[in-house]
Amino acid sequence: MTDSSEIPVVTVETAMKESFGGTILIDVREQDEWDAGHAPDARFVPLSALQERASELPRDTKLLIVCHSGGRSLRAAGFLRSEGFDAVNVDGGMLAWAAAGGSIVVDSHTANSDKD
């Protein structure tokens, strides 16, 4: 596993810009958290299944890894980096995403978190 001090970190603002620009956002939370709301265009790969599903992820592009607050995504990014992926942790997770006014998809509709 990669040392956590060696794992690149981006702010949610950077992650928002990059994910809307085509960089892949991977949400590693569990099913109930995903169902409660997630970033638009995020791919759902729970941390509990990441090792067995890593082969589904592209190796030729940067992956932005997000969870609830940043802990699980840090572990996931470390694992993926140790497997040769260009994985970056999203600092603050979905809590920071929502606090920054990022859009969240819930039950097939999008809500802007700063208007809820």
PDB file of N, CA and C in Angstrom:
ATOM      1  N   MET A   1       0.857  -1.180   0.000  1.00  0.00           N
ATOM      2  CA  MET A   1       0.000   0.000   0.000  1.00  0.00           C
ATOM      3  C   MET A   1       0.894   1.232   0.000  1.00  0.00           C
ATOM      4  N   THR A   2       0.462   2.262  -0.691  1.00  0.00           N
ATOM      5  CA  THR A   2       1.190   3.513  -0.786  1.00  0.00           C
ATOM      6  C   THR A   2       1.063   4.300   0.509  1.00  0.00           C
ATOM      7  N   ASP A   3       2.148   4.943   0.946  1.00  0.00           N
ATOM      8  CA  ASP A   3       2.128   5.813   2.122  1.00  0.00           C
ATOM      9  C   ASP A   3       1.172   6.965   1.850  1.00  0.00           C
ATOM     10  N   SER A   4       0.274   7.270   2.819  1.00  0.00           N
ATOM     11  CA  SER A   4      -0.740   8.298   2.596  1.00  0.00           C
ATOM     12  C   SER A   4      -0.141   9.658   2.315  1.00  0.00           C
ATOM     13  N   SER A   5       1.101   9.922   2.758  1.00  0.00           N
ATOM     14  CA  SER A   5       1.726  11.214   2.471  1.00  0.00           C
ATOM     15  C   SER A   5       2.137  11.327   1.006  1.00  0.00           C
ATOM     16  N   GLU A   6       2.139  10.217   0.290  1.00  0.00           N
ATOM     17  CA  GLU A   6       2.527  10.201  -1.121  1.00  0.00           C
ATOM     18  C   GLU A   6       1.319  10.252  -2.062  1.00  0.00           C
ATOM     19  N   ILE A   7       0.117  10.289  -1.517  1.00  0.00           N
ATOM     20  CA  ILE A   7      -1.085  10.266  -2.335  1.00  0.00           C
ATOM     21  C   ILE A   7      -1.505  11.706  -2.656  1.00  0.00           C
ATOM     22  N   PRO A   8      -1.589  12.040  -3.940  1.00  0.00           N
ATOM     23  CA  PRO A   8      -2.005  13.392  -4.303  1.00  0.00           C
ATOM     24  C   PRO A   8      -3.439  13.670  -3.842  1.00  0.00           C
ATOM     25  N   VAL A   9      -3.684  14.914  -3.483  1.00  0.00           N
ATOM     26  CA  VAL A   9      -4.988  15.346  -2.996  1.00  0.00           C
ATOM     27  C   VAL A   9      -5.405  16.582  -3.791  1.00  0.00           C
ATOM     28  N   VAL A  10      -6.695  16.645  -4.160  1.00  0.00           N
ATOM     29  CA  VAL A  10      -7.243  17.841  -4.794  1.00  0.00           C
ATOM     30  C   VAL A  10      -8.417  18.346  -3.969  1.00  0.00           C
ATOM     31  N   THR A  11      -8.702  19.624  -4.086  1.00  0.00           N
ATOM     32  CA  THR A  11      -9.864  20.207  -3.425  1.00  0.00           C
ATOM     33  C   THR A  11     -11.126  19.784  -4.170  1.00  0.00           C
ATOM     34  N   VAL A  12     -12.268  19.935  -3.521  1.00  0.00           N
ATOM     35  CA  VAL A  12     -13.519  19.605  -4.209  1.00  0.00           C
ATOM     36  C   VAL A  12     -13.750  20.547  -5.379  1.00  0.00           C
ATOM     37  N   GLU A  13     -13.332  21.786  -5.252  1.00  0.00           N
ATOM     38  CA  GLU A  13     -13.508  22.734  -6.361  1.00  0.00           C
ATOM     39  C   GLU A  13     -12.741  22.264  -7.594  1.00  0.00           C
ATOM     40  N   THR A  14     -11.514  21.805  -7.389  1.00  0.00           N
ATOM     41  CA  THR A  14     -10.729  21.259  -8.495  1.00  0.00           C
ATOM     42  C   THR A  14     -11.382  19.990  -9.033  1.00  0.00           C
ATOM     43  N   ALA A  15     -11.842  19.140  -8.134  1.00  0.00           N
ATOM     44  CA  ALA A  15     -12.493  17.891  -8.552  1.00  0.00           C
ATOM     45  C   ALA A  15     -13.742  18.186  -9.376  1.00  0.00           C
ATOM     46  N   MET A  16     -14.518  19.184  -8.964  1.00  0.00           N
ATOM     47  CA  MET A  16     -15.721  19.539  -9.725  1.00  0.00           C
ATOM     48  C   MET A  16     -15.362  19.959 -11.142  1.00  0.00           C
ATOM     49  N   LYS A  17     -14.386  20.835 -11.268  1.00  0.00           N
ATOM     50  CA  LYS A  17     -13.963  21.298 -12.595  1.00  0.00           C
ATOM     51  C   LYS A  17     -13.453  20.132 -13.438  1.00  0.00           C
ATOM     52  N   GLU A  18     -12.608  19.300 -12.838  1.00  0.00           N
ATOM     53  CA  GLU A  18     -12.029  18.196 -13.591  1.00  0.00           C
ATOM     54  C   GLU A  18     -13.058  17.132 -13.956  1.00  0.00           C
ATOM     55  N   SER A  19     -14.006  16.853 -13.053  1.00  0.00           N
ATOM     56  CA  SER A  19     -15.003  15.821 -13.360  1.00  0.00           C
ATOM     57  C   SER A  19     -15.941  16.286 -14.467  1.00  0.00           C
ATOM     58  N   PHE A  20     -16.266  17.564 -14.487  1.00  0.00           N
ATOM     59  CA  PHE A  20     -17.109  18.075 -15.572  1.00  0.00           C
ATOM     60  C   PHE A  20     -16.317  18.225 -16.858  1.00  0.00           C
ATOM     61  N   GLY A  21     -14.993  18.203 -16.750  1.00  0.00           N
ATOM     62  CA  GLY A  21     -14.131  18.284 -17.920  1.00  0.00           C
ATOM     63  C   GLY A  21     -13.737  16.928 -18.465  1.00  0.00           C
ATOM     64  N   GLY A  22     -14.257  15.872 -17.869  1.00  0.00           N
ATOM     65  CA  GLY A  22     -14.005  14.545 -18.397  1.00  0.00           C
ATOM     66  C   GLY A  22     -13.174  13.626 -17.530  1.00  0.00           C
ATOM     67  N   THR A  23     -12.550  14.146 -16.467  1.00  0.00           N
ATOM     68  CA  THR A  23     -11.814  13.273 -15.566  1.00  0.00           C
ATOM     69  C   THR A  23     -12.820  12.404 -14.817  1.00  0.00           C
ATOM     70  N   ILE A  24     -12.483  11.169 -14.588  1.00  0.00           N
ATOM     71  CA  ILE A  24     -13.420  10.209 -13.999  1.00  0.00           C
ATOM     72  C   ILE A  24     -13.429  10.335 -12.477  1.00  0.00           C
ATOM     73  N   LEU A  25     -14.633  10.474 -11.927  1.00  0.00           N
ATOM     74  CA  LEU A  25     -14.849  10.542 -10.488  1.00  0.00           C
ATOM     75  C   LEU A  25     -15.369   9.191 -10.019  1.00  0.00           C
ATOM     76  N   ILE A  26     -14.655   8.574  -9.084  1.00  0.00           N
ATOM     77  CA  ILE A  26     -15.031   7.271  -8.541  1.00  0.00           C
ATOM     78  C   ILE A  26     -15.507   7.471  -7.107  1.00  0.00           C
ATOM     79  N   ASP A  27     -16.744   7.084  -6.832  1.00  0.00           N
ATOM     80  CA  ASP A  27     -17.324   7.183  -5.494  1.00  0.00           C
ATOM     81  C   ASP A  27     -17.186   5.827  -4.817  1.00  0.00           C
ATOM     82  N   VAL A  28     -16.435   5.788  -3.701  1.00  0.00           N
ATOM     83  CA  VAL A  28     -16.150   4.522  -3.037  1.00  0.00           C
ATOM     84  C   VAL A  28     -16.979   4.296  -1.776  1.00  0.00           C
ATOM     85  N   ARG A  29     -18.046   5.079  -1.611  1.00  0.00           N
ATOM     86  CA  ARG A  29     -18.927   4.873  -0.455  1.00  0.00           C
ATOM     87  C   ARG A  29     -19.756   3.607  -0.668  1.00  0.00           C
ATOM     88  N   GLU A  30     -20.536   3.259   0.323  1.00  0.00           N
ATOM     89  CA  GLU A  30     -21.374   2.063   0.232  1.00  0.00           C
ATOM     90  C   GLU A  30     -22.731   2.400  -0.400  1.00  0.00           C
ATOM     91  N   GLN A  31     -23.503   1.376  -0.744  1.00  0.00           N
ATOM     92  CA  GLN A  31     -24.746   1.527  -1.501  1.00  0.00           C
ATOM     93  C   GLN A  31     -25.717   2.518  -0.877  1.00  0.00           C
ATOM     94  N   ASP A  32     -25.926   2.459   0.434  1.00  0.00           N
ATOM     95  CA  ASP A  32     -26.892   3.363   1.066  1.00  0.00           C
ATOM     96  C   ASP A  32     -26.447   4.820   0.961  1.00  0.00           C
ATOM     97  N   GLU A  33     -25.144   5.065   1.031  1.00  0.00           N
ATOM     98  CA  GLU A  33     -24.626   6.426   0.894  1.00  0.00           C
ATOM     99  C   GLU A  33     -24.783   6.920  -0.544  1.00  0.00           C
ATOM    100  N   TRP A  34     -24.493   6.060  -1.491  1.00  0.00           N
ATOM    101  CA  TRP A  34     -24.652   6.378  -2.911  1.00  0.00           C
ATOM    102  C   TRP A  34     -26.115   6.718  -3.202  1.00  0.00           C
ATOM    103  N   ASP A  35     -27.021   5.878  -2.692  1.00  0.00           N
ATOM    104  CA  ASP A  35     -28.452   6.083  -2.916  1.00  0.00           C
ATOM    105  C   ASP A  35     -28.944   7.405  -2.326  1.00  0.00           C
ATOM    106  N   ALA A  36     -28.328   7.850  -1.240  1.00  0.00           N
ATOM    107  CA  ALA A  36     -28.725   9.104  -0.585  1.00  0.00           C
ATOM    108  C   ALA A  36     -28.306  10.334  -1.381  1.00  0.00           C
ATOM    109  N   GLY A  37     -27.392  10.172  -2.331  1.00  0.00           N
ATOM    110  CA  GLY A  37     -26.969  11.285  -3.174  1.00  0.00           C
ATOM    111  C   GLY A  37     -25.511  11.173  -3.546  1.00  0.00           C
ATOM    112  N   HIS A  38     -25.230  11.466  -4.816  1.00  0.00           N
ATOM    113  CA  HIS A  38     -23.858  11.377  -5.322  1.00  0.00           C
ATOM    114  C   HIS A  38     -23.635  12.431  -6.384  1.00  0.00           C
ATOM    115  N   ALA A  39     -22.396  12.650  -6.703  1.00  0.00           N
ATOM    116  CA  ALA A  39     -22.035  13.635  -7.717  1.00  0.00           C
ATOM    117  C   ALA A  39     -22.485  13.154  -9.097  1.00  0.00           C
ATOM    118  N   PRO A  40     -22.920  14.103  -9.932  1.00  0.00           N
ATOM    119  CA  PRO A  40     -23.293  13.730 -11.301  1.00  0.00           C
ATOM    120  C   PRO A  40     -22.098  13.087 -12.019  1.00  0.00           C
ATOM    121  N   ASP A  41     -22.371  12.090 -12.817  1.00  0.00           N
ATOM    122  CA  ASP A  41     -21.372  11.394 -13.633  1.00  0.00           C
ATOM    123  C   ASP A  41     -20.360  10.583 -12.832  1.00  0.00           C
ATOM    124  N   ALA A  42     -20.529  10.488 -11.507  1.00  0.00           N
ATOM    125  CA  ALA A  42     -19.624   9.654 -10.713  1.00  0.00           C
ATOM    126  C   ALA A  42     -19.881   8.185 -11.034  1.00  0.00           C
ATOM    127  N   ARG A  43     -18.845   7.398 -10.919  1.00  0.00           N
ATOM    128  CA  ARG A  43     -18.974   5.945 -11.050  1.00  0.00           C
ATOM    129  C   ARG A  43     -18.966   5.359  -9.651  1.00  0.00           C
ATOM    130  N   PHE A  44     -19.844   4.419  -9.416  1.00  0.00           N
ATOM    131  CA  PHE A  44     -19.985   3.796  -8.101  1.00  0.00           C
ATOM    132  C   PHE A  44     -19.174   2.510  -8.038  1.00  0.00           C
ATOM    133  N   VAL A  45     -18.124   2.526  -7.222  1.00  0.00           N
ATOM    134  CA  VAL A  45     -17.318   1.339  -6.955  1.00  0.00           C
ATOM    135  C   VAL A  45     -17.028   1.353  -5.453  1.00  0.00           C
ATOM    136  N   PRO A  46     -17.876   0.694  -4.656  1.00  0.00           N
ATOM    137  CA  PRO A  46     -17.681   0.749  -3.203  1.00  0.00           C
ATOM    138  C   PRO A  46     -16.316   0.214  -2.784  1.00  0.00           C
ATOM    139  N   LEU A  47     -15.775   0.811  -1.736  1.00  0.00           N
ATOM    140  CA  LEU A  47     -14.468   0.392  -1.234  1.00  0.00           C
ATOM    141  C   LEU A  47     -14.444  -1.104  -0.955  1.00  0.00           C
ATOM    142  N   SER A  48     -15.552  -1.641  -0.464  1.00  0.00           N
ATOM    143  CA  SER A  48     -15.616  -3.064  -0.144  1.00  0.00           C
ATOM    144  C   SER A  48     -15.465  -3.961  -1.376  1.00  0.00           C
ATOM    145  N   ALA A  49     -15.675  -3.408  -2.563  1.00  0.00           N
ATOM    146  CA  ALA A  49     -15.562  -4.181  -3.803  1.00  0.00           C
ATOM    147  C   ALA A  49     -14.425  -3.693  -4.699  1.00  0.00           C
ATOM    148  N   LEU A  50     -13.678  -2.707  -4.242  1.00  0.00           N
ATOM    149  CA  LEU A  50     -12.673  -2.067  -5.098  1.00  0.00           C
ATOM    150  C   LEU A  50     -11.604  -3.037  -5.589  1.00  0.00           C
ATOM    151  N   GLN A  51     -11.103  -3.857  -4.718  1.00  0.00           N
ATOM    152  CA  GLN A  51     -10.034  -4.772  -5.119  1.00  0.00           C
ATOM    153  C   GLN A  51     -10.493  -5.692  -6.247  1.00  0.00           C
ATOM    154  N   GLU A  52     -11.699  -6.232  -6.131  1.00  0.00           N
ATOM    155  CA  GLU A  52     -12.175  -7.154  -7.174  1.00  0.00           C
ATOM    156  C   GLU A  52     -12.656  -6.426  -8.430  1.00  0.00           C
ATOM    157  N   ARG A  53     -12.989  -5.132  -8.326  1.00  0.00           N
ATOM    158  CA  ARG A  53     -13.500  -4.391  -9.485  1.00  0.00           C
ATOM    159  C   ARG A  53     -12.496  -3.414 -10.096  1.00  0.00           C
ATOM    160  N   ALA A  54     -11.285  -3.365  -9.574  1.00  0.00           N
ATOM    161  CA  ALA A  54     -10.275  -2.428 -10.087  1.00  0.00           C
ATOM    162  C   ALA A  54     -10.030  -2.612 -11.579  1.00  0.00           C
ATOM    163  N   SER A  55     -10.151  -3.833 -12.065  1.00  0.00           N
ATOM    164  CA  SER A  55      -9.910  -4.094 -13.492  1.00  0.00           C
ATOM    165  C   SER A  55     -10.930  -3.392 -14.396  1.00  0.00           C
ATOM    166  N   GLU A  56     -12.057  -2.939 -13.829  1.00  0.00           N
ATOM    167  CA  GLU A  56     -13.073  -2.215 -14.605  1.00  0.00           C
ATOM    168  C   GLU A  56     -12.676  -0.757 -14.855  1.00  0.00           C
ATOM    169  N   LEU A  57     -11.677  -0.278 -14.128  1.00  0.00           N
ATOM    170  CA  LEU A  57     -11.294   1.131 -14.199  1.00  0.00           C
ATOM    171  C   LEU A  57     -10.211   1.358 -15.251  1.00  0.00           C
ATOM    172  N   PRO A  58     -10.268   2.503 -15.928  1.00  0.00           N
ATOM    173  CA  PRO A  58      -9.254   2.790 -16.948  1.00  0.00           C
ATOM    174  C   PRO A  58      -7.906   3.146 -16.317  1.00  0.00           C
ATOM    175  N   ARG A  59      -6.857   2.661 -16.928  1.00  0.00           N
ATOM    176  CA  ARG A  59      -5.507   2.942 -16.425  1.00  0.00           C
ATOM    177  C   ARG A  59      -4.870   4.128 -17.142  1.00  0.00           C
ATOM    178  N   ASP A  60      -5.508   4.624 -18.179  1.00  0.00           N
ATOM    179  CA  ASP A  60      -4.880   5.665 -18.996  1.00  0.00           C
ATOM    180  C   ASP A  60      -5.387   7.072 -18.690  1.00  0.00           C
ATOM    181  N   THR A  61      -6.043   7.263 -17.562  1.00  0.00           N
ATOM    182  CA  THR A  61      -6.557   8.582 -17.209  1.00  0.00           C
ATOM    183  C   THR A  61      -6.537   8.762 -15.692  1.00  0.00           C
ATOM    184  N   LYS A  62      -6.540  10.012 -15.272  1.00  0.00           N
ATOM    185  CA  LYS A  62      -6.577  10.296 -13.838  1.00  0.00           C
ATOM    186  C   LYS A  62      -7.933   9.920 -13.279  1.00  0.00           C
ATOM    187  N   LEU A  63      -7.921   9.347 -12.077  1.00  0.00           N
ATOM    188  CA  LEU A  63      -9.142   8.988 -11.374  1.00  0.00           C
ATOM    189  C   LEU A  63      -9.240   9.829 -10.108  1.00  0.00           C
ATOM    190  N   LEU A  64     -10.345  10.520  -9.944  1.00  0.00           N
ATOM    191  CA  LEU A  64     -10.627  11.287  -8.737  1.00  0.00           C
ATOM    192  C   LEU A  64     -11.424  10.380  -7.814  1.00  0.00           C
ATOM    193  N   ILE A  65     -10.940  10.159  -6.597  1.00  0.00           N
ATOM    194  CA  ILE A  65     -11.572   9.215  -5.682  1.00  0.00           C
ATOM    195  C   ILE A  65     -12.246   9.993  -4.558  1.00  0.00           C
ATOM    196  N   VAL A  66     -13.553   9.731  -4.352  1.00  0.00           N
ATOM    197  CA  VAL A  66     -14.327  10.459  -3.351  1.00  0.00           C
ATOM    198  C   VAL A  66     -15.095   9.486  -2.458  1.00  0.00           C
ATOM    199  N   CYS A  67     -15.271   9.893  -1.205  1.00  0.00           N
ATOM    200  CA  CYS A  67     -16.100   9.131  -0.264  1.00  0.00           C
ATOM    201  C   CYS A  67     -16.932  10.139   0.527  1.00  0.00           C
ATOM    202  N   HIS A  68     -17.264   9.828   1.752  1.00  0.00           N
ATOM    203  CA  HIS A  68     -18.080  10.728   2.566  1.00  0.00           C
ATOM    204  C   HIS A  68     -17.280  11.942   3.038  1.00  0.00           C
ATOM    205  N   SER A  69     -16.111  11.690   3.658  1.00  0.00           N
ATOM    206  CA  SER A  69     -15.337  12.808   4.199  1.00  0.00           C
ATOM    207  C   SER A  69     -13.859  12.793   3.827  1.00  0.00           C
ATOM    208  N   GLY A  70     -13.391  11.768   3.163  1.00  0.00           N
ATOM    209  CA  GLY A  70     -12.013  11.739   2.682  1.00  0.00           C
ATOM    210  C   GLY A  70     -11.150  10.607   3.197  1.00  0.00           C
ATOM    211  N   GLY A  71     -11.590   9.880   4.207  1.00  0.00           N
ATOM    212  CA  GLY A  71     -10.785   8.791   4.766  1.00  0.00           C
ATOM    213  C   GLY A  71     -10.745   7.549   3.899  1.00  0.00           C
ATOM    214  N   ARG A  72     -11.911   7.059   3.525  1.00  0.00           N
ATOM    215  CA  ARG A  72     -11.963   5.850   2.686  1.00  0.00           C
ATOM    216  C   ARG A  72     -11.389   6.119   1.311  1.00  0.00           C
ATOM    217  N   SER A  73     -11.630   7.316   0.782  1.00  0.00           N
ATOM    218  CA  SER A  73     -11.084   7.624  -0.542  1.00  0.00           C
ATOM    219  C   SER A  73      -9.564   7.700  -0.507  1.00  0.00           C
ATOM    220  N   LEU A  74      -8.993   8.134   0.612  1.00  0.00           N
ATOM    221  CA  LEU A  74      -7.541   8.147   0.750  1.00  0.00           C
ATOM    222  C   LEU A  74      -6.997   6.721   0.691  1.00  0.00           C
ATOM    223  N   ARG A  75      -7.652   5.800   1.408  1.00  0.00           N
ATOM    224  CA  ARG A  75      -7.240   4.390   1.359  1.00  0.00           C
ATOM    225  C   ARG A  75      -7.419   3.823  -0.047  1.00  0.00           C
ATOM    226  N   ALA A  76      -8.550   4.152  -0.685  1.00  0.00           N
ATOM    227  CA  ALA A  76      -8.812   3.644  -2.032  1.00  0.00           C
ATOM    228  C   ALA A  76      -7.787   4.179  -3.029  1.00  0.00           C
ATOM    229  N   ALA A  77      -7.478   5.473  -2.937  1.00  0.00           N
ATOM    230  CA  ALA A  77      -6.479   6.056  -3.837  1.00  0.00           C
ATOM    231  C   ALA A  77      -5.122   5.398  -3.614  1.00  0.00           C
ATOM    232  N   GLY A  78      -4.788   5.132  -2.366  1.00  0.00           N
ATOM    233  CA  GLY A  78      -3.526   4.458  -2.069  1.00  0.00           C
ATOM    234  C   GLY A  78      -3.464   3.071  -2.687  1.00  0.00           C
ATOM    235  N   PHE A  79      -4.547   2.330  -2.549  1.00  0.00           N
ATOM    236  CA  PHE A  79      -4.599   0.997  -3.151  1.00  0.00           C
ATOM    237  C   PHE A  79      -4.455   1.095  -4.667  1.00  0.00           C
ATOM    238  N   LEU A  80      -5.240   1.976  -5.283  1.00  0.00           N
ATOM    239  CA  LEU A  80      -5.197   2.096  -6.745  1.00  0.00           C
ATOM    240  C   LEU A  80      -3.823   2.543  -7.240  1.00  0.00           C
ATOM    241  N   ARG A  81      -3.193   3.460  -6.537  1.00  0.00           N
ATOM    242  CA  ARG A  81      -1.847   3.903  -6.921  1.00  0.00           C
ATOM    243  C   ARG A  81      -0.860   2.736  -6.830  1.00  0.00           C
ATOM    244  N   SER A  82      -1.013   1.898  -5.804  1.00  0.00           N
ATOM    245  CA  SER A  82      -0.117   0.747  -5.669  1.00  0.00           C
ATOM    246  C   SER A  82      -0.327  -0.265  -6.799  1.00  0.00           C
ATOM    247  N   GLU A  83      -1.482  -0.184  -7.451  1.00  0.00           N
ATOM    248  CA  GLU A  83      -1.802  -1.059  -8.584  1.00  0.00           C
ATOM    249  C   GLU A  83      -1.506  -0.390  -9.930  1.00  0.00           C
ATOM    250  N   GLY A  84      -0.910   0.803  -9.900  1.00  0.00           N
ATOM    251  CA  GLY A  84      -0.503   1.468 -11.141  1.00  0.00           C
ATOM    252  C   GLY A  84      -1.471   2.490 -11.706  1.00  0.00           C
ATOM    253  N   PHE A  85      -2.544   2.798 -10.986  1.00  0.00           N
ATOM    254  CA  PHE A  85      -3.506   3.800 -11.448  1.00  0.00           C
ATOM    255  C   PHE A  85      -3.050   5.201 -11.030  1.00  0.00           C
ATOM    256  N   ASP A  86      -3.474   6.197 -11.793  1.00  0.00           N
ATOM    257  CA  ASP A  86      -3.240   7.601 -11.445  1.00  0.00           C
ATOM    258  C   ASP A  86      -4.450   8.069 -10.632  1.00  0.00           C
ATOM    259  N   ALA A  87      -4.457   7.706  -9.362  1.00  0.00           N
ATOM    260  CA  ALA A  87      -5.591   7.991  -8.482  1.00  0.00           C
ATOM    261  C   ALA A  87      -5.254   9.145  -7.548  1.00  0.00           C
ATOM    262  N   VAL A  88      -6.233  10.044  -7.367  1.00  0.00           N
ATOM    263  CA  VAL A  88      -6.073  11.246  -6.559  1.00  0.00           C
ATOM    264  C   VAL A  88      -7.228  11.313  -5.567  1.00  0.00           C
ATOM    265  N   ASN A  89      -6.934  11.623  -4.322  1.00  0.00           N
ATOM    266  CA  ASN A  89      -7.958  11.733  -3.292  1.00  0.00           C
ATOM    267  C   ASN A  89      -8.645  13.103  -3.364  1.00  0.00           C
ATOM    268  N   VAL A  90      -9.974  13.108  -3.249  1.00  0.00           N
ATOM    269  CA  VAL A  90     -10.742  14.359  -3.190  1.00  0.00           C
ATOM    270  C   VAL A  90     -10.883  14.736  -1.715  1.00  0.00           C
ATOM    271  N   ASP A  91     -10.220  15.821  -1.331  1.00  0.00           N
ATOM    272  CA  ASP A  91     -10.177  16.260   0.062  1.00  0.00           C
ATOM    273  C   ASP A  91     -11.567  16.658   0.562  1.00  0.00           C
ATOM    274  N   GLY A  92     -11.969  16.089   1.684  1.00  0.00           N
ATOM    275  CA  GLY A  92     -13.246  16.449   2.302  1.00  0.00           C
ATOM    276  C   GLY A  92     -14.438  15.661   1.813  1.00  0.00           C
ATOM    277  N   GLY A  93     -14.280  14.896   0.747  1.00  0.00           N
ATOM    278  CA  GLY A  93     -15.337  14.017   0.258  1.00  0.00           C
ATOM    279  C   GLY A  93     -16.629  14.717  -0.125  1.00  0.00           C
ATOM    280  N   MET A  94     -17.713  13.949  -0.062  1.00  0.00           N
ATOM    281  CA  MET A  94     -19.019  14.472  -0.452  1.00  0.00           C
ATOM    282  C   MET A  94     -19.532  15.525   0.531  1.00  0.00           C
ATOM    283  N   LEU A  95     -19.058  15.500   1.766  1.00  0.00           N
ATOM    284  CA  LEU A  95     -19.423  16.572   2.700  1.00  0.00           C
ATOM    285  C   LEU A  95     -18.925  17.907   2.165  1.00  0.00           C
ATOM    286  N   ALA A  96     -17.672  17.951   1.742  1.00  0.00           N
ATOM    287  CA  ALA A  96     -17.098  19.180   1.191  1.00  0.00           C
ATOM    288  C   ALA A  96     -17.731  19.523  -0.154  1.00  0.00           C
ATOM    289  N   TRP A  97     -18.041  18.507  -0.955  1.00  0.00           N
ATOM    290  CA  TRP A  97     -18.690  18.717  -2.261  1.00  0.00           C
ATOM    291  C   TRP A  97     -20.009  19.456  -2.054  1.00  0.00           C
ATOM    292  N   ALA A  98     -20.826  18.952  -1.143  1.00  0.00           N
ATOM    293  CA  ALA A  98     -22.127  19.578  -0.866  1.00  0.00           C
ATOM    294  C   ALA A  98     -21.942  20.982  -0.288  1.00  0.00           C
ATOM    295  N   ALA A  99     -20.988  21.142   0.629  1.00  0.00           N
ATOM    296  CA  ALA A  99     -20.744  22.447   1.250  1.00  0.00           C
ATOM    297  C   ALA A  99     -20.278  23.479   0.227  1.00  0.00           C
ATOM    298  N   ALA A 100     -19.617  23.014  -0.833  1.00  0.00           N
ATOM    299  CA  ALA A 100     -19.138  23.913  -1.884  1.00  0.00           C
ATOM    300  C   ALA A 100     -20.216  24.201  -2.928  1.00  0.00           C
ATOM    301  N   GLY A 101     -21.415  23.672  -2.719  1.00  0.00           N
ATOM    302  CA  GLY A 101     -22.511  23.926  -3.658  1.00  0.00           C
ATOM    303  C   GLY A 101     -22.541  23.001  -4.846  1.00  0.00           C
ATOM    304  N   GLY A 102     -21.835  21.878  -4.763  1.00  0.00           N
ATOM    305  CA  GLY A 102     -21.818  20.934  -5.876  1.00  0.00           C
ATOM    306  C   GLY A 102     -23.160  20.252  -6.082  1.00  0.00           C
ATOM    307  N   SER A 103     -23.476  19.971  -7.317  1.00  0.00           N
ATOM    308  CA  SER A 103     -24.717  19.262  -7.637  1.00  0.00           C
ATOM    309  C   SER A 103     -24.646  17.833  -7.121  1.00  0.00           C
ATOM    310  N   ILE A 104     -25.800  17.352  -6.677  1.00  0.00           N
ATOM    311  CA  ILE A 104     -25.906  15.991  -6.162  1.00  0.00           C
ATOM    312  C   ILE A 104     -27.123  15.339  -6.804  1.00  0.00           C
ATOM    313  N   VAL A 105     -26.931  14.139  -7.307  1.00  0.00           N
ATOM    314  CA  VAL A 105     -28.004  13.386  -7.927  1.00  0.00           C
ATOM    315  C   VAL A 105     -28.636  12.486  -6.863  1.00  0.00           C
ATOM    316  N   VAL A 106     -29.963  12.588  -6.738  1.00  0.00           N
ATOM    317  CA  VAL A 106     -30.715  11.763  -5.797  1.00  0.00           C
ATOM    318  C   VAL A 106     -31.949  11.237  -6.533  1.00  0.00           C
ATOM    319  N   ASP A 107     -32.138   9.921  -6.535  1.00  0.00           N
ATOM    320  CA  ASP A 107     -33.326   9.335  -7.153  1.00  0.00           C
ATOM    321  C   ASP A 107     -33.625   9.896  -8.540  1.00  0.00           C
ATOM    322  N   SER A 108     -32.630   9.913  -9.373  1.00  0.00           N
ATOM    323  CA  SER A 108     -32.762  10.326 -10.771  1.00  0.00           C
ATOM    324  C   SER A 108     -33.019  11.811 -10.984  1.00  0.00           C
ATOM    325  N   HIS A 109     -32.945  12.639  -9.967  1.00  0.00           N
ATOM    326  CA  HIS A 109     -32.988  14.079 -10.230  1.00  0.00           C
ATOM    327  C   HIS A 109     -31.847  14.771  -9.518  1.00  0.00           C
ATOM    328  N   THR A 110     -31.463  15.915 -10.068  1.00  0.00           N
ATOM    329  CA  THR A 110     -30.305  16.643  -9.578  1.00  0.00           C
ATOM    330  C   THR A 110     -30.769  17.790  -8.706  1.00  0.00           C
ATOM    331  N   ALA A 111     -30.081  17.957  -7.589  1.00  0.00           N
ATOM    332  CA  ALA A 111     -30.356  19.080  -6.704  1.00  0.00           C
ATOM    333  C   ALA A 111     -29.050  19.826  -6.497  1.00  0.00           C
ATOM    334  N   ASN A 112     -29.116  21.136  -6.509  1.00  0.00           N
ATOM    335  CA  ASN A 112     -27.948  21.916  -6.162  1.00  0.00           C
ATOM    336  C   ASN A 112     -27.973  22.050  -4.665  1.00  0.00           C
ATOM    337  N   SER A 113     -26.950  21.555  -3.989  1.00  0.00           N
ATOM    338  CA  SER A 113     -26.970  21.453  -2.532  1.00  0.00           C
ATOM    339  C   SER A 113     -27.105  22.795  -1.835  1.00  0.00           C
ATOM    340  N   ASP A 114     -26.738  23.898  -2.479  1.00  0.00           N
ATOM    341  CA  ASP A 114     -26.860  25.178  -1.796  1.00  0.00           C
ATOM    342  C   ASP A 114     -28.288  25.726  -1.856  1.00  0.00           C
ATOM    343  N   LYS A 115     -29.176  25.010  -2.547  1.00  0.00           N
ATOM    344  CA  LYS A 115     -30.573  25.465  -2.632  1.00  0.00           C
ATOM    345  C   LYS A 115     -31.507  24.566  -1.845  1.00  0.00           C
ATOM    346  N   ASP A 116     -30.996  23.504  -1.262  1.00  0.00           N
ATOM    347  CA  ASP A 116     -31.832  22.563  -0.519  1.00  0.00           C
ATOM    348  C   ASP A 116     -32.179  23.100   0.854  1.00  0.00           C
TER     349      ASP A 116
END
